[in-house]
């Protein structure tokens, strides 16, 4: 796929994206979102040949497929489902329409930017021919059949991206999911693109809002070099560290929530709003930890951890400038893959 075609994705689907944010207020809002996602999934399935459908749809109880996701490129991690490069243009459009329905406008834009960054990486050929990057190397799969009432999942991912979208009736979650960027800054059509720019800027704004006493609590006394609970770490936990939300000012708590919203807000608006309300209820029990320099533009690790959220952001030393290679993870220890909504 070319850069021109990738730009066509965003242009052709932007109307669908903004329709999601324009739902009428009230009880119908979530059900309309769910209906749109189900309709988009069914349209995607209808675009496939029978042999393709057998490859893309898995049983909802297939735990192997549920956990078959990673931030690694395809040469290092074998994915199942359908590869975007093997689909026709209309089938690729259908996949993107499904993502546009399941994600918020800003979440959808972020995902396109991450994928486009991998195309930039492909053109640089940093893998020396051993690794394969680019638009084509992303995979889509479904667990269960699209349903307004029964649980099902959408999985979409490749290098620096692993989305696990679980839907159960009117409820939805993105946990666990990985978003990353390499390069974290690139030029496209004469404009600078930073797929994780808001995450980065808001984190530095928060750490630099702390007074001396707060910084002593928040800044860890050791260097973190990678995610603790990244892909492949399902079911594991980590001891909370840093400064507790109860020790922050009201303004600092607002910044912390806004920062967390860069991950929770990837989902379609109604699900994102419900998750943010949940985080607000637990803000006093939510921790913020920092490792590394605090000067904006530096490479630093941070973590947000509360009763229903774990977010990590970790610059990577592999490949040169660590500010240009970022991994992040978003988890909910109480609801991984929608566990609390799923039937036993």
Protein backbone atom coordinates (compact mmCIF):
# COMPACT_ATOMS: atom_id res chain seq x y z
CA UNK A 1 0.00 0.00 0.00
CA UNK A 2 1.26 3.49 -0.78
CA UNK A 3 1.29 6.60 1.38
CA UNK A 4 -1.29 8.06 -0.98
CA UNK A 5 -3.58 5.09 -0.32
CA UNK A 6 -3.05 5.39 3.43
CA UNK A 7 -4.10 9.03 3.29
CA UNK A 8 -7.17 7.89 1.35
CA UNK A 9 -8.16 5.75 4.34
CA UNK A 10 -8.40 8.78 6.57
CA UNK A 11 -10.13 10.95 3.97
CA UNK A 12 -12.72 8.38 2.96
CA UNK A 13 -13.62 7.43 6.50
CA UNK A 14 -13.42 10.77 8.31
CA UNK A 15 -17.18 11.31 7.95
CA UNK A 16 -17.86 8.01 9.70
CA UNK A 17 -15.43 8.97 12.46
CA UNK A 18 -17.10 12.27 13.21
CA UNK A 19 -20.56 10.73 13.12
CA UNK A 20 -19.55 8.68 16.16
CA UNK A 21 -18.94 11.82 18.19
CA UNK A 22 -22.26 13.32 17.14
CA UNK A 23 -24.65 10.80 18.70
CA UNK A 24 -27.66 12.23 20.49
CA UNK A 25 -27.45 12.31 24.25
CA UNK A 26 -29.45 9.74 26.18
CA UNK A 27 -29.85 5.98 26.55
CA UNK A 28 -29.78 5.40 22.79
CA UNK A 29 -26.20 6.68 22.50
CA UNK A 30 -24.42 3.47 23.51
CA UNK A 31 -26.80 1.13 21.70
CA UNK A 32 -26.38 3.15 18.49
CA UNK A 33 -22.59 2.87 18.81
CA UNK A 34 -22.87 -0.89 19.37
CA UNK A 35 -25.18 -1.23 16.39
CA UNK A 36 -22.77 0.69 14.17
CA UNK A 37 -19.86 -1.54 15.21
CA UNK A 38 -21.85 -4.73 14.61
CA UNK A 39 -23.04 -3.45 11.23
CA UNK A 40 -19.48 -2.56 10.20
CA UNK A 41 -18.21 -5.99 11.30
CA UNK A 42 -20.93 -7.77 9.33
CA UNK A 43 -20.17 -5.66 6.26
CA UNK A 44 -16.51 -6.64 6.55
CA UNK A 45 -17.39 -10.32 6.84
CA UNK A 46 -19.72 -10.05 3.85
CA UNK A 47 -16.84 -8.69 1.76
CA UNK A 48 -14.80 -11.86 2.30
CA UNK A 49 -14.70 -15.14 0.47
CA UNK A 50 -15.57 -18.24 2.46
CA UNK A 51 -11.92 -19.33 2.81
CA UNK A 52 -11.08 -15.89 4.20
CA UNK A 53 -13.92 -16.03 6.73
CA UNK A 54 -12.62 -19.32 8.09
CA UNK A 55 -9.25 -17.65 8.70
CA UNK A 56 -10.51 -14.46 10.31
CA UNK A 57 -13.23 -15.68 12.72
CA UNK A 58 -12.23 -17.64 15.83
CA UNK A 59 -14.32 -19.09 18.63
CA UNK A 60 -14.80 -16.52 21.37
CA UNK A 61 -13.41 -19.03 23.89
CA UNK A 62 -10.18 -19.51 21.92
CA UNK A 63 -7.70 -18.36 24.58
CA UNK A 64 -4.71 -19.02 22.32
CA UNK A 65 -5.95 -16.53 19.75
CA UNK A 66 -7.10 -14.10 22.42
CA UNK A 67 -3.52 -13.82 23.67
CA UNK A 68 -1.88 -14.02 20.25
CA UNK A 69 -0.86 -10.36 19.95
CA UNK A 70 2.40 -8.48 20.25
CA UNK A 71 4.26 -5.27 19.46
CA UNK A 72 6.90 -7.23 17.50
CA UNK A 73 7.12 -7.11 13.67
CA UNK A 74 5.82 -10.09 11.73
CA UNK A 75 9.23 -11.77 11.31
CA UNK A 76 9.50 -12.01 15.10
CA UNK A 77 5.90 -12.89 15.99
CA UNK A 78 3.44 -15.08 14.08
CA UNK A 79 -0.08 -13.67 14.03
CA UNK A 80 -3.28 -15.32 12.86
CA UNK A 81 -6.21 -13.81 11.00
CA UNK A 82 -6.08 -11.90 7.73
CA UNK A 83 -3.10 -9.81 6.66
CA UNK A 84 -4.00 -6.36 5.34
CA UNK A 85 -1.63 -6.77 2.40
CA UNK A 86 -3.54 -9.87 1.27
CA UNK A 87 -6.91 -8.09 1.11
CA UNK A 88 -8.51 -6.24 -1.77
CA UNK A 89 -8.97 -2.48 -1.53
CA UNK A 90 -12.68 -2.85 -0.69
CA UNK A 91 -11.86 -5.40 2.02
CA UNK A 92 -9.20 -3.13 3.51
CA UNK A 93 -11.69 -0.27 3.46
CA UNK A 94 -14.15 -2.50 5.33
CA UNK A 95 -11.55 -3.25 8.02
CA UNK A 96 -10.86 0.45 8.46
CA UNK A 97 -14.57 1.25 8.58
CA UNK A 98 -14.85 -1.28 11.41
CA UNK A 99 -12.01 0.39 13.29
CA UNK A 100 -13.57 3.80 12.70
CA UNK A 101 -16.83 2.54 14.23
CA UNK A 102 -15.16 0.92 17.25
CA UNK A 103 -12.79 3.80 18.01
CA UNK A 104 -13.23 7.49 18.75
CA UNK A 105 -12.22 9.98 16.03
CA UNK A 106 -8.98 10.81 17.88
CA UNK A 107 -8.36 7.12 18.62
CA UNK A 108 -8.82 6.19 14.98
CA UNK A 109 -6.48 8.98 13.90
CA UNK A 110 -3.85 7.77 16.39
CA UNK A 111 -4.02 4.23 14.99
CA UNK A 112 -3.64 5.48 11.40
CA UNK A 113 -0.62 7.52 12.46
CA UNK A 114 1.01 4.52 14.15
CA UNK A 115 0.53 2.40 11.02
CA UNK A 116 1.77 5.20 8.78
CA UNK A 117 4.87 5.48 10.99
CA UNK A 118 5.61 1.84 10.26
CA UNK A 119 5.46 2.64 6.55
CA UNK A 120 8.05 5.37 7.17
CA UNK A 121 10.16 2.76 8.96
CA UNK A 122 9.80 0.39 5.98
CA UNK A 123 11.15 3.01 3.62
CA UNK A 124 14.17 3.51 5.86
CA UNK A 125 14.77 -0.28 5.83
CA UNK A 126 16.20 -0.20 9.35
CA UNK A 127 15.85 -3.97 9.64
CA UNK A 128 18.55 -4.57 7.05
CA UNK A 129 16.17 -6.83 5.12
CA UNK A 130 15.62 -9.20 8.04
CA UNK A 131 12.49 -7.48 9.34
CA UNK A 132 9.43 -6.43 7.35
CA UNK A 133 7.53 -3.25 8.18
CA UNK A 134 4.73 -1.24 6.59
CA UNK A 135 0.99 -0.98 5.98
CA UNK A 136 0.66 -4.53 4.67
CA UNK A 137 1.96 -6.16 7.85
CA UNK A 138 -1.12 -5.62 10.04
CA UNK A 139 -3.61 -8.36 10.85
CA UNK A 140 -7.30 -8.43 11.69
CA UNK A 141 -9.30 -11.15 13.42
CA UNK A 142 -12.60 -11.58 15.23
CA UNK A 143 -13.37 -13.79 18.21
CA UNK A 144 -17.02 -14.74 18.23
CA UNK A 145 -19.70 -13.47 15.90
CA UNK A 146 -20.63 -9.76 15.84
CA UNK A 147 -23.54 -9.40 18.27
CA UNK A 148 -25.62 -6.78 20.03
CA UNK A 149 -25.91 -9.00 23.13
CA UNK A 150 -23.27 -11.76 23.19
CA UNK A 151 -19.55 -11.13 23.86
CA UNK A 152 -17.20 -10.85 20.89
CA UNK A 153 -13.82 -9.30 20.08
CA UNK A 154 -12.04 -7.34 17.39
CA UNK A 155 -8.27 -7.76 17.19
CA UNK A 156 -6.12 -5.54 14.99
CA UNK A 157 -2.38 -5.24 15.19
CA UNK A 158 1.13 -5.48 13.89
CA UNK A 159 4.40 -3.75 14.70
CA UNK A 160 3.90 -1.30 17.59
CA UNK A 161 0.18 -1.96 17.70
CA UNK A 162 -2.00 -4.54 19.40
CA UNK A 163 -5.68 -3.64 19.81
CA UNK A 164 -7.96 -6.00 21.73
CA UNK A 165 -11.48 -4.60 21.62
CA UNK A 166 -13.96 -6.66 23.62
CA UNK A 167 -17.66 -5.86 23.26
CA UNK A 168 -20.43 -7.24 25.45
CA UNK A 169 -23.79 -5.70 24.65
CA UNK A 170 -23.49 -1.98 25.28
CA UNK A 171 -20.18 -2.29 27.12
CA UNK A 172 -16.71 -2.24 25.63
CA UNK A 173 -13.06 -2.27 26.67
CA UNK A 174 -9.69 -1.89 24.96
CA UNK A 175 -7.69 -3.67 27.65
CA UNK A 176 -5.14 -5.05 27.27
CA UNK A 177 -3.73 -3.15 24.29
CA UNK A 178 -0.37 -1.86 23.11
CA UNK A 179 0.23 1.40 21.26
CA UNK A 180 3.72 2.43 20.22
CA UNK A 181 5.54 4.61 17.74
CA UNK A 182 8.70 4.39 15.66
CA UNK A 183 9.46 6.97 14.53
CA UNK A 184 7.65 9.02 17.14
CA UNK A 185 8.02 12.07 14.90
CA UNK A 186 7.89 12.07 11.10
CA UNK A 187 6.88 14.28 8.21
CA UNK A 188 3.86 13.52 6.03
CA UNK A 189 2.56 15.79 3.29
CA UNK A 190 4.66 18.62 4.70
CA UNK A 191 3.30 18.27 8.23
CA UNK A 192 4.88 16.91 11.41
CA UNK A 193 3.13 13.84 12.83
CA UNK A 194 3.53 12.64 16.43
CA UNK A 195 1.31 9.59 17.03
CA UNK A 196 1.96 9.71 20.80
CA UNK A 197 2.63 13.42 21.04
CA UNK A 198 -0.24 14.27 23.38
CA UNK A 199 0.73 11.47 25.75
CA UNK A 200 4.29 12.74 25.88
CA UNK A 201 3.45 16.42 26.33
CA UNK A 202 0.81 15.86 29.01
CA UNK A 203 3.12 13.60 31.01
CA UNK A 204 5.88 16.21 31.10
CA UNK A 205 3.31 18.86 32.04
CA UNK A 206 2.22 16.72 35.00
CA UNK A 207 5.69 15.87 36.33
CA UNK A 208 6.78 19.50 36.02
CA UNK A 209 3.70 20.69 37.92
CA UNK A 210 4.89 18.81 41.03
CA UNK A 211 6.53 20.70 43.87
CA UNK A 212 9.77 19.49 45.46
CA UNK A 213 8.05 17.29 48.02
CA UNK A 214 5.77 15.73 45.43
CA UNK A 215 8.67 15.09 43.05
CA UNK A 216 10.51 13.17 45.77
CA UNK A 217 7.52 10.83 45.95
CA UNK A 218 6.82 10.55 42.22
CA UNK A 219 10.31 10.13 40.79
CA UNK A 220 11.70 6.64 41.24
CA UNK A 221 15.25 6.17 42.42
CA UNK A 222 16.14 3.83 39.58
CA UNK A 223 16.04 3.79 35.79
CA UNK A 224 13.26 1.97 33.95
CA UNK A 225 14.14 0.80 30.45
CA UNK A 226 11.02 -1.05 29.29
CA UNK A 227 7.43 -1.95 30.06
CA UNK A 228 6.91 -4.16 33.10
CA UNK A 229 3.50 -5.49 32.04
CA UNK A 230 3.83 -5.45 28.26
CA UNK A 231 2.51 -8.03 25.77
CA UNK A 232 2.69 -11.57 27.09
CA UNK A 233 2.30 -10.45 30.71
CA UNK A 234 -1.43 -11.12 31.11
CA UNK A 235 -2.48 -11.79 34.69
CA UNK A 236 0.66 -10.31 36.26
CA UNK A 237 0.73 -7.40 38.69
CA UNK A 238 3.17 -4.80 39.94
CA UNK A 239 3.40 -2.97 43.26
CA UNK A 240 2.14 0.64 43.00
CA UNK A 241 4.92 3.23 43.24
CA UNK A 242 5.31 6.99 43.03
CA UNK A 243 2.87 9.60 44.26
CA UNK A 244 -0.73 8.78 45.12
CA UNK A 245 -3.58 10.80 43.64
CA UNK A 246 -4.66 11.87 47.12
CA UNK A 247 -1.34 13.76 47.42
CA UNK A 248 -1.96 15.75 44.22
CA UNK A 249 -3.78 19.05 43.90
CA UNK A 250 -7.14 19.22 42.13
CA UNK A 251 -5.44 20.67 39.05
CA UNK A 252 -2.80 17.94 39.04
CA UNK A 253 -5.48 15.27 39.30
CA UNK A 254 -7.19 16.84 36.28
CA UNK A 255 -3.93 16.62 34.32
CA UNK A 256 -3.50 12.99 35.42
CA UNK A 257 -7.00 12.11 34.22
CA UNK A 258 -6.44 13.95 30.96
CA UNK A 259 -3.20 12.03 30.46
CA UNK A 260 -4.91 8.68 31.12
CA UNK A 261 -7.59 9.74 28.66
CA UNK A 262 -5.09 9.44 25.83
CA UNK A 263 -5.46 5.66 26.25
CA UNK A 264 -9.03 5.30 27.53
CA UNK A 265 -10.19 7.76 24.85
CA UNK A 266 -9.10 5.51 21.98
CA UNK A 267 -12.38 3.58 22.29
CA UNK A 268 -15.66 4.84 20.86
CA UNK A 269 -16.97 7.83 22.78
CA UNK A 270 -19.59 6.17 24.98
CA UNK A 271 -17.17 3.47 26.20
CA UNK A 272 -14.44 6.06 26.72
CA UNK A 273 -16.77 8.26 28.75
CA UNK A 274 -17.82 5.35 30.98
CA UNK A 275 -14.19 4.43 31.62
CA UNK A 276 -13.25 8.01 32.44
CA UNK A 277 -16.08 8.23 34.98
CA UNK A 278 -14.71 5.06 36.58
CA UNK A 279 -11.20 6.54 36.75
CA UNK A 280 -12.53 9.72 38.35
CA UNK A 281 -14.10 7.66 41.12
CA UNK A 282 -10.71 6.10 41.91
CA UNK A 283 -8.46 9.11 41.31
CA UNK A 284 -7.41 9.41 44.97
CA UNK A 285 -6.17 5.80 44.81
CA UNK A 286 -4.38 6.21 41.48
CA UNK A 287 -0.58 6.44 41.47
CA UNK A 288 1.79 8.31 39.17
CA UNK A 289 5.43 7.23 38.92
CA UNK A 290 8.29 8.69 36.86
CA UNK A 291 11.75 7.41 35.94
CA UNK A 292 14.29 9.53 34.10
CA UNK A 293 14.92 13.21 33.36
CA UNK A 294 12.08 15.70 33.65
CA UNK A 295 13.17 18.15 30.95
CA UNK A 296 10.67 18.19 28.10
CA UNK A 297 12.08 16.36 25.10
CA UNK A 298 13.99 13.86 27.23
CA UNK A 299 13.47 10.10 27.24
CA UNK A 300 11.60 9.15 30.42
CA UNK A 301 9.41 6.29 31.62
CA UNK A 302 6.14 6.85 33.49
CA UNK A 303 3.33 4.75 34.90
CA UNK A 304 -0.26 5.38 35.93
CA UNK A 305 -1.70 2.73 38.23
CA UNK A 306 -5.07 2.58 39.94
CA UNK A 307 -7.65 -0.03 40.95
CA UNK A 308 -8.93 -0.38 37.37
CA UNK A 309 -6.08 0.93 35.24
CA UNK A 310 -2.40 0.33 34.50
CA UNK A 311 -0.70 2.47 31.87
CA UNK A 312 3.01 2.37 31.10
CA UNK A 313 5.04 4.52 28.71
CA UNK A 314 8.60 3.40 27.97
CA UNK A 315 11.08 4.91 25.47
CA UNK A 316 13.25 2.22 23.85
CA UNK A 317 17.04 2.31 23.54
CA UNK A 318 16.99 -0.04 20.55
CA UNK A 319 17.41 1.77 17.24
CA UNK A 320 19.09 4.99 18.31
CA UNK A 321 17.28 7.98 19.82
CA UNK A 322 14.95 6.58 22.53
CA UNK A 323 12.55 9.52 22.16
CA UNK A 324 11.87 8.26 18.64
CA UNK A 325 10.96 4.71 19.70
CA UNK A 326 8.18 4.42 22.27
CA UNK A 327 6.22 1.49 23.71
CA UNK A 328 3.07 1.84 25.82
CA UNK A 329 0.63 -0.59 27.41
CA UNK A 330 -2.91 -0.09 28.67
CA UNK A 331 -4.44 -2.62 31.06
CA UNK A 332 -7.32 -3.02 33.51
CA UNK A 333 -6.47 -5.68 36.11
CA UNK A 334 -10.19 -6.11 36.87
CA UNK A 335 -11.39 -6.42 33.29
CA UNK A 336 -8.79 -7.80 30.90
CA UNK A 337 -10.54 -8.85 27.67
CA UNK A 338 -13.86 -7.84 29.29
CA UNK A 339 -13.54 -10.58 31.93
CA UNK A 340 -16.06 -9.06 34.34
CA UNK A 341 -18.76 -8.94 31.65
CA UNK A 342 -18.20 -12.32 30.04
CA UNK A 343 -20.24 -15.38 30.87
CA UNK A 344 -18.35 -18.19 32.60
